[in-house]
PDB file of N, CA and C in Angstrom:
ATOM      1  N   UNK A   1      38.904 230.106  -0.933  1.00  0.00           N
ATOM      2  CA  UNK A   1      38.402 231.372  -0.431  1.00  0.00           C
ATOM      3  C   UNK A   1      37.359 231.096   0.656  1.00  0.00           C
ATOM      4  N   UNK A   2      37.469 231.833   1.727  1.00  0.00           N
ATOM      5  CA  UNK A   2      36.545 231.659   2.845  1.00  0.00           C
ATOM      6  C   UNK A   2      35.340 232.579   2.644  1.00  0.00           C
ATOM      7  N   UNK A   3      34.180 231.976   2.649  1.00  0.00           N
ATOM      8  CA  UNK A   3      32.957 232.753   2.513  1.00  0.00           C
ATOM      9  C   UNK A   3      32.349 232.998   3.892  1.00  0.00           C
ATOM     10  N   UNK A   4      31.349 233.854   3.943  1.00  0.00           N
ATOM     11  CA  UNK A   4      30.672 234.137   5.207  1.00  0.00           C
ATOM     12  C   UNK A   4      30.005 232.880   5.745  1.00  0.00           C
ATOM     13  N   UNK A   5      29.465 232.056   4.868  1.00  0.00           N
ATOM     14  CA  UNK A   5      28.809 230.831   5.301  1.00  0.00           C
ATOM     15  C   UNK A   5      29.805 229.861   5.944  1.00  0.00           C
ATOM     16  N   UNK A   6      30.987 229.735   5.330  1.00  0.00           N
ATOM     17  CA  UNK A   6      32.010 228.846   5.878  1.00  0.00           C
ATOM     18  C   UNK A   6      32.486 229.362   7.230  1.00  0.00           C
ATOM     19  N   UNK A   7      32.720 230.663   7.336  1.00  0.00           N
ATOM     20  CA  UNK A   7      33.175 231.246   8.594  1.00  0.00           C
ATOM     21  C   UNK A   7      32.107 231.110   9.676  1.00  0.00           C
ATOM     22  N   UNK A   8      30.839 231.266   9.308  1.00  0.00           N
ATOM     23  CA  UNK A   8      29.743 231.098  10.264  1.00  0.00           C
ATOM     24  C   UNK A   8      29.701 229.673  10.781  1.00  0.00           C
ATOM     25  N   UNK A   9      29.818 228.713   9.881  1.00  0.00           N
ATOM     26  CA  UNK A   9      29.818 227.318  10.294  1.00  0.00           C
ATOM     27  C   UNK A   9      31.028 227.009  11.179  1.00  0.00           C
ATOM     28  N   UNK A  10      32.183 227.522  10.812  1.00  0.00           N
ATOM     29  CA  UNK A  10      33.402 227.325  11.603  1.00  0.00           C
ATOM     30  C   UNK A  10      33.235 227.863  13.022  1.00  0.00           C
ATOM     31  N   UNK A  11      32.750 229.088  13.143  1.00  0.00           N
ATOM     32  CA  UNK A  11      32.558 229.687  14.465  1.00  0.00           C
ATOM     33  C   UNK A  11      31.474 228.970  15.262  1.00  0.00           C
ATOM     34  N   UNK A  12      30.464 228.461  14.567  1.00  0.00           N
ATOM     35  CA  UNK A  12      29.430 227.681  15.245  1.00  0.00           C
ATOM     36  C   UNK A  12      30.008 226.424  15.872  1.00  0.00           C
ATOM     37  N   UNK A  13      30.836 225.699  15.121  1.00  0.00           N
ATOM     38  CA  UNK A  13      31.445 224.492  15.668  1.00  0.00           C
ATOM     39  C   UNK A  13      32.468 224.822  16.748  1.00  0.00           C
ATOM     40  N   UNK A  14      33.198 225.907  16.583  1.00  0.00           N
ATOM     41  CA  UNK A  14      34.125 226.345  17.641  1.00  0.00           C
ATOM     42  C   UNK A  14      33.359 226.637  18.925  1.00  0.00           C
ATOM     43  N   UNK A  15      32.209 227.268  18.794  1.00  0.00           N
ATOM     44  CA  UNK A  15      31.381 227.570  19.967  1.00  0.00           C
ATOM     45  C   UNK A  15      30.908 226.300  20.640  1.00  0.00           C
ATOM     46  N   UNK A  16      30.455 225.334  19.860  1.00  0.00           N
ATOM     47  CA  UNK A  16      29.976 224.065  20.418  1.00  0.00           C
ATOM     48  C   UNK A  16      31.106 223.350  21.163  1.00  0.00           C
ATOM     49  N   UNK A  17      32.274 223.295  20.555  1.00  0.00           N
ATOM     50  CA  UNK A  17      33.418 222.624  21.178  1.00  0.00           C
ATOM     51  C   UNK A  17      33.835 223.342  22.460  1.00  0.00           C
ATOM     52  N   UNK A  18      33.909 224.676  22.416  1.00  0.00           N
ATOM     53  CA  UNK A  18      34.326 225.426  23.597  1.00  0.00           C
ATOM     54  C   UNK A  18      33.298 225.349  24.722  1.00  0.00           C
ATOM     55  N   UNK A  19      32.028 225.369  24.391  1.00  0.00           N
ATOM     56  CA  UNK A  19      30.997 225.218  25.425  1.00  0.00           C
ATOM     57  C   UNK A  19      31.076 223.818  26.034  1.00  0.00           C
ATOM     58  N   UNK A  20      31.344 222.823  25.208  1.00  0.00           N
ATOM     59  CA  UNK A  20      31.539 221.465  25.721  1.00  0.00           C
ATOM     60  C   UNK A  20      32.742 221.369  26.654  1.00  0.00           C
ATOM     61  N   UNK A  21      33.841 222.002  26.279  1.00  0.00           N
ATOM     62  CA  UNK A  21      35.031 222.006  27.133  1.00  0.00           C
ATOM     63  C   UNK A  21      34.768 222.743  28.447  1.00  0.00           C
ATOM     64  N   UNK A  22      34.041 223.851  28.361  1.00  0.00           N
ATOM     65  CA  UNK A  22      33.691 224.602  29.563  1.00  0.00           C
ATOM     66  C   UNK A  22      32.806 223.766  30.480  1.00  0.00           C
ATOM     67  N   UNK A  23      31.858 223.048  29.908  1.00  0.00           N
ATOM     68  CA  UNK A  23      30.980 222.188  30.690  1.00  0.00           C
ATOM     69  C   UNK A  23      31.766 221.060  31.353  1.00  0.00           C
ATOM     70  N   UNK A  24      32.652 220.421  30.599  1.00  0.00           N
ATOM     71  CA  UNK A  24      33.472 219.350  31.172  1.00  0.00           C
ATOM     72  C   UNK A  24      34.379 219.877  32.279  1.00  0.00           C
ATOM     73  N   UNK A  25      34.988 221.032  32.064  1.00  0.00           N
ATOM     74  CA  UNK A  25      35.856 221.622  33.083  1.00  0.00           C
ATOM     75  C   UNK A  25      35.067 221.954  34.336  1.00  0.00           C
ATOM     76  N   UNK A  26      33.890 222.519  34.162  1.00  0.00           N
ATOM     77  CA  UNK A  26      33.049 222.856  35.317  1.00  0.00           C
ATOM     78  C   UNK A  26      32.639 221.603  36.074  1.00  0.00           C
ATOM     79  N   UNK A  27      32.244 220.570  35.348  1.00  0.00           N
ATOM     80  CA  UNK A  27      31.851 219.322  35.995  1.00  0.00           C
ATOM     81  C   UNK A  27      33.036 218.686  36.721  1.00  0.00           C
ATOM     82  N   UNK A  28      34.207 218.755  36.120  1.00  0.00           N
ATOM     83  CA  UNK A  28      35.404 218.212  36.755  1.00  0.00           C
ATOM     84  C   UNK A  28      35.695 218.941  38.058  1.00  0.00           C
ATOM     85  N   UNK A  29      35.618 220.269  38.045  1.00  0.00           N
ATOM     86  CA  UNK A  29      35.876 221.053  39.253  1.00  0.00           C
ATOM     87  C   UNK A  29      34.822 220.757  40.316  1.00  0.00           C
ATOM     88  N   UNK A  30      33.584 220.595  39.908  1.00  0.00           N
ATOM     89  CA  UNK A  30      32.510 220.323  40.879  1.00  0.00           C
ATOM     90  C   UNK A  30      32.623 218.905  41.445  1.00  0.00           C
ATOM     91  N   UNK A  31      32.793 217.922  40.579  1.00  0.00           N
ATOM     92  CA  UNK A  31      32.749 216.527  41.012  1.00  0.00           C
ATOM     93  C   UNK A  31      34.058 216.022  41.620  1.00  0.00           C
ATOM     94  N   UNK A  32      35.172 216.499  41.115  1.00  0.00           N
ATOM     95  CA  UNK A  32      36.475 215.981  41.551  1.00  0.00           C
ATOM     96  C   UNK A  32      37.344 217.068  42.184  1.00  0.00           C
ATOM     97  N   UNK A  33      36.701 218.012  42.860  1.00  0.00           N
ATOM     98  CA  UNK A  33      37.431 219.145  43.425  1.00  0.00           C
ATOM     99  C   UNK A  33      38.470 218.694  44.452  1.00  0.00           C
ATOM    100  N   UNK A  34      38.100 217.787  45.344  1.00  0.00           N
ATOM    101  CA  UNK A  34      39.039 217.344  46.380  1.00  0.00           C
ATOM    102  C   UNK A  34      40.280 216.699  45.775  1.00  0.00           C
ATOM    103  N   UNK A  35      40.074 215.874  44.762  1.00  0.00           N
ATOM    104  CA  UNK A  35      41.205 215.233  44.092  1.00  0.00           C
ATOM    105  C   UNK A  35      42.074 216.258  43.375  1.00  0.00           C
ATOM    106  N   UNK A  36      41.448 217.196  42.687  1.00  0.00           N
ATOM    107  CA  UNK A  36      42.201 218.224  41.968  1.00  0.00           C
ATOM    108  C   UNK A  36      42.983 219.099  42.936  1.00  0.00           C
ATOM    109  N   UNK A  37      42.348 219.465  44.048  1.00  0.00           N
ATOM    110  CA  UNK A  37      43.041 220.295  45.043  1.00  0.00           C
ATOM    111  C   UNK A  37      44.230 219.538  45.613  1.00  0.00           C
ATOM    112  N   UNK A  38      44.055 218.266  45.906  1.00  0.00           N
ATOM    113  CA  UNK A  38      45.151 217.467  46.453  1.00  0.00           C
ATOM    114  C   UNK A  38      46.328 217.407  45.472  1.00  0.00           C
ATOM    115  N   UNK A  39      46.012 217.184  44.199  1.00  0.00           N
ATOM    116  CA  UNK A  39      47.061 217.108  43.177  1.00  0.00           C
ATOM    117  C   UNK A  39      47.774 218.459  43.032  1.00  0.00           C
ATOM    118  N   UNK A  40      47.013 219.543  42.935  1.00  0.00           N
ATOM    119  CA  UNK A  40      47.613 220.855  42.693  1.00  0.00           C
ATOM    120  C   UNK A  40      48.351 221.395  43.914  1.00  0.00           C
ATOM    121  N   UNK A  41      47.859 221.122  45.116  1.00  0.00           N
ATOM    122  CA  UNK A  41      48.598 221.573  46.298  1.00  0.00           C
ATOM    123  C   UNK A  41      49.918 220.818  46.427  1.00  0.00           C
ATOM    124  N   UNK A  42      49.926 219.562  46.040  1.00  0.00           N
ATOM    125  CA  UNK A  42      51.169 218.788  46.075  1.00  0.00           C
ATOM    126  C   UNK A  42      52.143 219.259  45.000  1.00  0.00           C
ATOM    127  N   UNK A  43      51.633 219.470  43.794  1.00  0.00           N
ATOM    128  CA  UNK A  43      52.511 219.855  42.680  1.00  0.00           C
ATOM    129  C   UNK A  43      53.072 221.263  42.829  1.00  0.00           C
ATOM    130  N   UNK A  44      52.224 222.209  43.226  1.00  0.00           N
ATOM    131  CA  UNK A  44      52.618 223.615  43.186  1.00  0.00           C
ATOM    132  C   UNK A  44      52.804 224.245  44.558  1.00  0.00           C
ATOM    133  N   UNK A  45      52.582 223.488  45.621  1.00  0.00           N
ATOM    134  CA  UNK A  45      52.757 223.981  46.997  1.00  0.00           C
ATOM    135  C   UNK A  45      51.991 225.277  47.244  1.00  0.00           C
ATOM    136  N   UNK A  46      50.694 225.275  46.925  1.00  0.00           N
ATOM    137  CA  UNK A  46      49.839 226.441  47.134  1.00  0.00           C
ATOM    138  C   UNK A  46      48.731 226.094  48.118  1.00  0.00           C
ATOM    139  N   UNK A  47      48.112 227.129  48.665  1.00  0.00           N
ATOM    140  CA  UNK A  47      47.050 226.970  49.644  1.00  0.00           C
ATOM    141  C   UNK A  47      45.731 226.587  48.971  1.00  0.00           C
ATOM    142  N   UNK A  48      44.885 225.854  49.698  1.00  0.00           N
ATOM    143  CA  UNK A  48      43.594 225.415  49.170  1.00  0.00           C
ATOM    144  C   UNK A  48      42.693 226.590  48.826  1.00  0.00           C
ATOM    145  N   UNK A  49      42.671 227.635  49.648  1.00  0.00           N
ATOM    146  CA  UNK A  49      41.812 228.789  49.361  1.00  0.00           C
ATOM    147  C   UNK A  49      42.269 229.508  48.096  1.00  0.00           C
ATOM    148  N   UNK A  50      43.569 229.536  47.861  1.00  0.00           N
ATOM    149  CA  UNK A  50      44.099 230.131  46.625  1.00  0.00           C
ATOM    150  C   UNK A  50      43.610 229.341  45.412  1.00  0.00           C
ATOM    151  N   UNK A  51      43.609 228.018  45.523  1.00  0.00           N
ATOM    152  CA  UNK A  51      43.156 227.189  44.405  1.00  0.00           C
ATOM    153  C   UNK A  51      41.676 227.383  44.121  1.00  0.00           C
ATOM    154  N   UNK A  52      40.866 227.535  45.163  1.00  0.00           N
ATOM    155  CA  UNK A  52      39.441 227.797  44.949  1.00  0.00           C
ATOM    156  C   UNK A  52      39.254 229.049  44.105  1.00  0.00           C
ATOM    157  N   UNK A  53      39.991 230.096  44.416  1.00  0.00           N
ATOM    158  CA  UNK A  53      39.905 231.344  43.648  1.00  0.00           C
ATOM    159  C   UNK A  53      40.399 231.144  42.216  1.00  0.00           C
ATOM    160  N   UNK A  54      41.468 230.397  42.058  1.00  0.00           N
ATOM    161  CA  UNK A  54      42.028 230.180  40.724  1.00  0.00           C
ATOM    162  C   UNK A  54      41.097 229.346  39.839  1.00  0.00           C
ATOM    163  N   UNK A  55      40.458 228.336  40.403  1.00  0.00           N
ATOM    164  CA  UNK A  55      39.499 227.546  39.629  1.00  0.00           C
ATOM    165  C   UNK A  55      38.355 228.433  39.152  1.00  0.00           C
ATOM    166  N   UNK A  56      37.861 229.283  40.051  1.00  0.00           N
ATOM    167  CA  UNK A  56      36.763 230.183  39.706  1.00  0.00           C
ATOM    168  C   UNK A  56      37.194 231.166  38.621  1.00  0.00           C
ATOM    169  N   UNK A  57      38.398 231.734  38.748  1.00  0.00           N
ATOM    170  CA  UNK A  57      38.902 232.676  37.736  1.00  0.00           C
ATOM    171  C   UNK A  57      39.103 231.988  36.388  1.00  0.00           C
ATOM    172  N   UNK A  58      39.633 230.759  36.419  1.00  0.00           N
ATOM    173  CA  UNK A  58      39.848 230.007  35.186  1.00  0.00           C
ATOM    174  C   UNK A  58      38.539 229.803  34.435  1.00  0.00           C
ATOM    175  N   UNK A  59      37.520 229.328  35.144  1.00  0.00           N
ATOM    176  CA  UNK A  59      36.232 229.079  34.496  1.00  0.00           C
ATOM    177  C   UNK A  59      35.603 230.379  34.007  1.00  0.00           C
ATOM    178  N   UNK A  60      35.716 231.444  34.777  1.00  0.00           N
ATOM    179  CA  UNK A  60      35.169 232.738  34.359  1.00  0.00           C
ATOM    180  C   UNK A  60      35.867 233.286  33.130  1.00  0.00           C
ATOM    181  N   UNK A  61      37.202 233.215  33.109  1.00  0.00           N
ATOM    182  CA  UNK A  61      37.946 233.710  31.949  1.00  0.00           C
ATOM    183  C   UNK A  61      37.648 232.888  30.698  1.00  0.00           C
ATOM    184  N   UNK A  62      37.568 231.578  30.868  1.00  0.00           N
ATOM    185  CA  UNK A  62      37.274 230.708  29.729  1.00  0.00           C
ATOM    186  C   UNK A  62      35.899 231.029  29.144  1.00  0.00           C
ATOM    187  N   UNK A  63      34.927 231.274  30.028  1.00  0.00           N
ATOM    188  CA  UNK A  63      33.575 231.599  29.571  1.00  0.00           C
ATOM    189  C   UNK A  63      33.566 232.921  28.813  1.00  0.00           C
ATOM    190  N   UNK A  64      34.227 233.941  29.354  1.00  0.00           N
ATOM    191  CA  UNK A  64      34.250 235.255  28.704  1.00  0.00           C
ATOM    192  C   UNK A  64      34.960 235.180  27.352  1.00  0.00           C
ATOM    193  N   UNK A  65      36.075 234.473  27.296  1.00  0.00           N
ATOM    194  CA  UNK A  65      36.812 234.350  26.034  1.00  0.00           C
ATOM    195  C   UNK A  65      35.979 233.603  24.994  1.00  0.00           C
ATOM    196  N   UNK A  66      35.278 232.558  25.412  1.00  0.00           N
ATOM    197  CA  UNK A  66      34.410 231.821  24.489  1.00  0.00           C
ATOM    198  C   UNK A  66      33.302 232.715  23.945  1.00  0.00           C
ATOM    199  N   UNK A  67      32.703 233.511  24.810  1.00  0.00           N
ATOM    200  CA  UNK A  67      31.635 234.416  24.363  1.00  0.00           C
ATOM    201  C   UNK A  67      32.176 235.450  23.396  1.00  0.00           C
ATOM    202  N   UNK A  68      33.295 236.083  23.755  1.00  0.00           N
ATOM    203  CA  UNK A  68      33.834 237.180  22.934  1.00  0.00           C
ATOM    204  C   UNK A  68      34.360 236.697  21.587  1.00  0.00           C
ATOM    205  N   UNK A  69      35.103 235.585  21.587  1.00  0.00           N
ATOM    206  CA  UNK A  69      35.785 235.176  20.360  1.00  0.00           C
ATOM    207  C   UNK A  69      35.042 234.138  19.526  1.00  0.00           C
ATOM    208  N   UNK A  70      33.991 233.527  20.059  1.00  0.00           N
ATOM    209  CA  UNK A  70      33.264 232.521  19.287  1.00  0.00           C
ATOM    210  C   UNK A  70      31.794 232.860  19.113  1.00  0.00           C
ATOM    211  N   UNK A  71      31.097 233.098  20.201  1.00  0.00           N
ATOM    212  CA  UNK A  71      29.644 233.240  20.145  1.00  0.00           C
ATOM    213  C   UNK A  71      29.226 234.570  19.541  1.00  0.00           C
ATOM    214  N   UNK A  72      29.832 235.665  19.978  1.00  0.00           N
ATOM    215  CA  UNK A  72      29.462 236.987  19.437  1.00  0.00           C
ATOM    216  C   UNK A  72      29.750 237.080  17.934  1.00  0.00           C
ATOM    217  N   UNK A  73      30.954 236.681  17.463  1.00  0.00           N
ATOM    218  CA  UNK A  73      31.171 236.722  16.006  1.00  0.00           C
ATOM    219  C   UNK A  73      30.225 235.800  15.232  1.00  0.00           C
ATOM    220  N   UNK A  74      29.883 234.652  15.829  1.00  0.00           N
ATOM    221  CA  UNK A  74      28.946 233.743  15.176  1.00  0.00           C
ATOM    222  C   UNK A  74      27.601 234.424  14.959  1.00  0.00           C
ATOM    223  N   UNK A  75      27.066 235.056  16.017  1.00  0.00           N
ATOM    224  CA  UNK A  75      25.773 235.735  15.862  1.00  0.00           C
ATOM    225  C   UNK A  75      25.869 236.939  14.933  1.00  0.00           C
ATOM    226  N   UNK A  76      26.986 237.633  14.947  1.00  0.00           N
ATOM    227  CA  UNK A  76      27.159 238.756  14.027  1.00  0.00           C
ATOM    228  C   UNK A  76      27.118 238.272  12.574  1.00  0.00           C
ATOM    229  N   UNK A  77      27.764 237.183  12.290  1.00  0.00           N
ATOM    230  CA  UNK A  77      27.737 236.626  10.930  1.00  0.00           C
ATOM    231  C   UNK A  77      26.363 236.083  10.578  1.00  0.00           C
ATOM    232  N   UNK A  78      25.664 235.500  11.551  1.00  0.00           N
ATOM    233  CA  UNK A  78      24.307 235.029  11.294  1.00  0.00           C
ATOM    234  C   UNK A  78      23.388 236.192  10.936  1.00  0.00           C
ATOM    235  N   UNK A  79      23.565 237.319  11.596  1.00  0.00           N
ATOM    236  CA  UNK A  79      22.743 238.502  11.305  1.00  0.00           C
ATOM    237  C   UNK A  79      23.058 239.015   9.904  1.00  0.00           C
ATOM    238  N   UNK A  80      24.322 238.949   9.489  1.00  0.00           N
ATOM    239  CA  UNK A  80      24.721 239.448   8.178  1.00  0.00           C
ATOM    240  C   UNK A  80      24.148 238.623   7.039  1.00  0.00           C
ATOM    241  N   UNK A  81      23.925 237.328   7.264  1.00  0.00           N
ATOM    242  CA  UNK A  81      23.474 236.474   6.156  1.00  0.00           C
ATOM    243  C   UNK A  81      21.979 236.297   6.146  1.00  0.00           C
TER     244      UNK A  81
END
């Protein structure tokens, strides 16, 4: 049986992992952008300006999903206990 404490701990670790993934993805886009653009333009035959927008949208969506599905429920459960 899942208790509130177990679910809180689970969501806490999910938040830590997702924030870590978001940080790594952001660092990868910042540090290795030229390499990533070269790879993606070759693979998918898309324009560089399109990729800039897509990288930004990807990071923004990932951040919003992490907040909505991990961080907010975690704090809600913390308030309940």
